[in-house]
Amino acid sequence: MKFELKDDYIELFKLLKVLDLVDSGAHAKLLIADGYAKRNGEVEFRKRAKIVSGDIIKIAEVTVEVV
């Protein structure tokens, strides 16, 4: 799946919420804190990590390419 970035960046938990991968922002934050989010192949624990164009985010079997 591709996500077109409208600004310079989007925070990780907001990206998960915008893509409807989670029910709420709180749910997104829990998934990230528990180590379920990968950014460019590395586990990302920062809920507010700035996701920029070119990043690849993976949650479970869902892979998101940020363009």
C-alpha atoms as a PDB file:
ATOM      1  CA  MET A   1       0.000   0.000   0.000  1.00  0.00           C
ATOM      2  CA  LYS A   2       1.210   3.531  -0.714  1.00  0.00           C
ATOM      3  CA  PHE A   3       0.578   6.645   1.344  1.00  0.00           C
ATOM      4  CA  GLU A   4       1.024  10.043  -0.285  1.00  0.00           C
ATOM      5  CA  LEU A   5       2.518  12.501   2.162  1.00  0.00           C
ATOM      6  CA  LYS A   6       0.905  15.961   2.053  1.00  0.00           C
ATOM      7  CA  ASP A   7       3.342  17.682   4.457  1.00  0.00           C
ATOM      8  CA  ASP A   8       7.043  17.269   5.251  1.00  0.00           C
ATOM      9  CA  TYR A   9       6.293  14.390   7.641  1.00  0.00           C
ATOM     10  CA  ILE A  10       3.591  12.552   9.576  1.00  0.00           C
ATOM     11  CA  GLU A  11       3.965  11.115  13.074  1.00  0.00           C
ATOM     12  CA  LEU A  12       3.937   7.319  13.143  1.00  0.00           C
ATOM     13  CA  PHE A  13       0.858   6.871  15.347  1.00  0.00           C
ATOM     14  CA  LYS A  14      -1.096   9.345  13.179  1.00  0.00           C
ATOM     15  CA  LEU A  15      -0.134   7.435  10.023  1.00  0.00           C
ATOM     16  CA  LEU A  16      -1.530   4.206  11.448  1.00  0.00           C
ATOM     17  CA  LYS A  17      -4.741   5.987  12.389  1.00  0.00           C
ATOM     18  CA  VAL A  18      -5.157   7.741   9.008  1.00  0.00           C
ATOM     19  CA  LEU A  19      -4.738   4.413   7.196  1.00  0.00           C
ATOM     20  CA  ASP A  20      -7.375   2.771   9.439  1.00  0.00           C
ATOM     21  CA  LEU A  21      -4.881   0.138  10.597  1.00  0.00           C
ATOM     22  CA  VAL A  22      -5.990   0.776  14.189  1.00  0.00           C
ATOM     23  CA  ASP A  23      -9.233   1.721  15.918  1.00  0.00           C
ATOM     24  CA  SER A  24      -7.818   4.738  17.751  1.00  0.00           C
ATOM     25  CA  GLY A  25      -4.714   6.769  18.441  1.00  0.00           C
ATOM     26  CA  ALA A  26      -4.385   5.028  21.802  1.00  0.00           C
ATOM     27  CA  HIS A  27      -4.420   1.626  20.077  1.00  0.00           C
ATOM     28  CA  ALA A  28      -1.712   2.831  17.650  1.00  0.00           C
ATOM     29  CA  LYS A  29       0.457   4.014  20.540  1.00  0.00           C
ATOM     30  CA  LEU A  30       0.127   0.630  22.292  1.00  0.00           C
ATOM     31  CA  LEU A  31       1.128  -1.294  19.154  1.00  0.00           C
ATOM     32  CA  ILE A  32       4.163   0.935  18.666  1.00  0.00           C
ATOM     33  CA  ALA A  33       5.203   0.718  22.335  1.00  0.00           C
ATOM     34  CA  ASP A  34       4.924  -3.083  22.181  1.00  0.00           C
ATOM     35  CA  GLY A  35       7.326  -3.205  19.211  1.00  0.00           C
ATOM     36  CA  TYR A  36       4.905  -4.149  16.430  1.00  0.00           C
ATOM     37  CA  ALA A  37       5.907  -1.290  14.108  1.00  0.00           C
ATOM     38  CA  LYS A  38       8.944  -1.481  11.854  1.00  0.00           C
ATOM     39  CA  ARG A  39      10.408   1.491  10.027  1.00  0.00           C
ATOM     40  CA  ASN A  40      12.811   0.677   7.218  1.00  0.00           C
ATOM     41  CA  GLY A  41      13.333  -2.822   8.659  1.00  0.00           C
ATOM     42  CA  GLU A  42      14.058  -1.704  12.244  1.00  0.00           C
ATOM     43  CA  VAL A  43      11.627  -1.784  15.169  1.00  0.00           C
ATOM     44  CA  GLU A  44      10.384   1.748  15.892  1.00  0.00           C
ATOM     45  CA  PHE A  45       9.307   2.441  19.486  1.00  0.00           C
ATOM     46  CA  ARG A  46       8.815   6.213  19.150  1.00  0.00           C
ATOM     47  CA  LYS A  47       5.112   6.989  18.800  1.00  0.00           C
ATOM     48  CA  ARG A  48       5.834  10.431  17.405  1.00  0.00           C
ATOM     49  CA  ALA A  49       8.645   9.369  15.052  1.00  0.00           C
ATOM     50  CA  LYS A  50       8.597  11.654  12.019  1.00  0.00           C
ATOM     51  CA  ILE A  51       7.792   9.512   8.994  1.00  0.00           C
ATOM     52  CA  VAL A  52       9.073  11.074   5.768  1.00  0.00           C
ATOM     53  CA  SER A  53       8.877  10.295   2.067  1.00  0.00           C
ATOM     54  CA  GLY A  54      10.830   7.138   1.254  1.00  0.00           C
ATOM     55  CA  ASP A  55      10.150   5.404   4.579  1.00  0.00           C
ATOM     56  CA  ILE A  56       8.743   1.872   4.571  1.00  0.00           C
ATOM     57  CA  ILE A  57       6.469   1.074   7.524  1.00  0.00           C
ATOM     58  CA  LYS A  58       5.438  -2.473   8.368  1.00  0.00           C
ATOM     59  CA  ILE A  59       2.703  -3.467  10.830  1.00  0.00           C
ATOM     60  CA  ALA A  60       1.904  -7.204  10.888  1.00  0.00           C
ATOM     61  CA  GLU A  61       1.435  -8.190   7.217  1.00  0.00           C
ATOM     62  CA  VAL A  62       0.719  -4.630   6.071  1.00  0.00           C
ATOM     63  CA  THR A  63       3.547  -2.751   4.374  1.00  0.00           C
ATOM     64  CA  VAL A  64       3.159   0.969   3.723  1.00  0.00           C
ATOM     65  CA  GLU A  65       5.409   2.872   1.326  1.00  0.00           C
ATOM     66  CA  VAL A  66       5.423   6.600   2.086  1.00  0.00           C
ATOM     67  CA  VAL A  67       5.762   8.708  -1.059  1.00  0.00           C
END
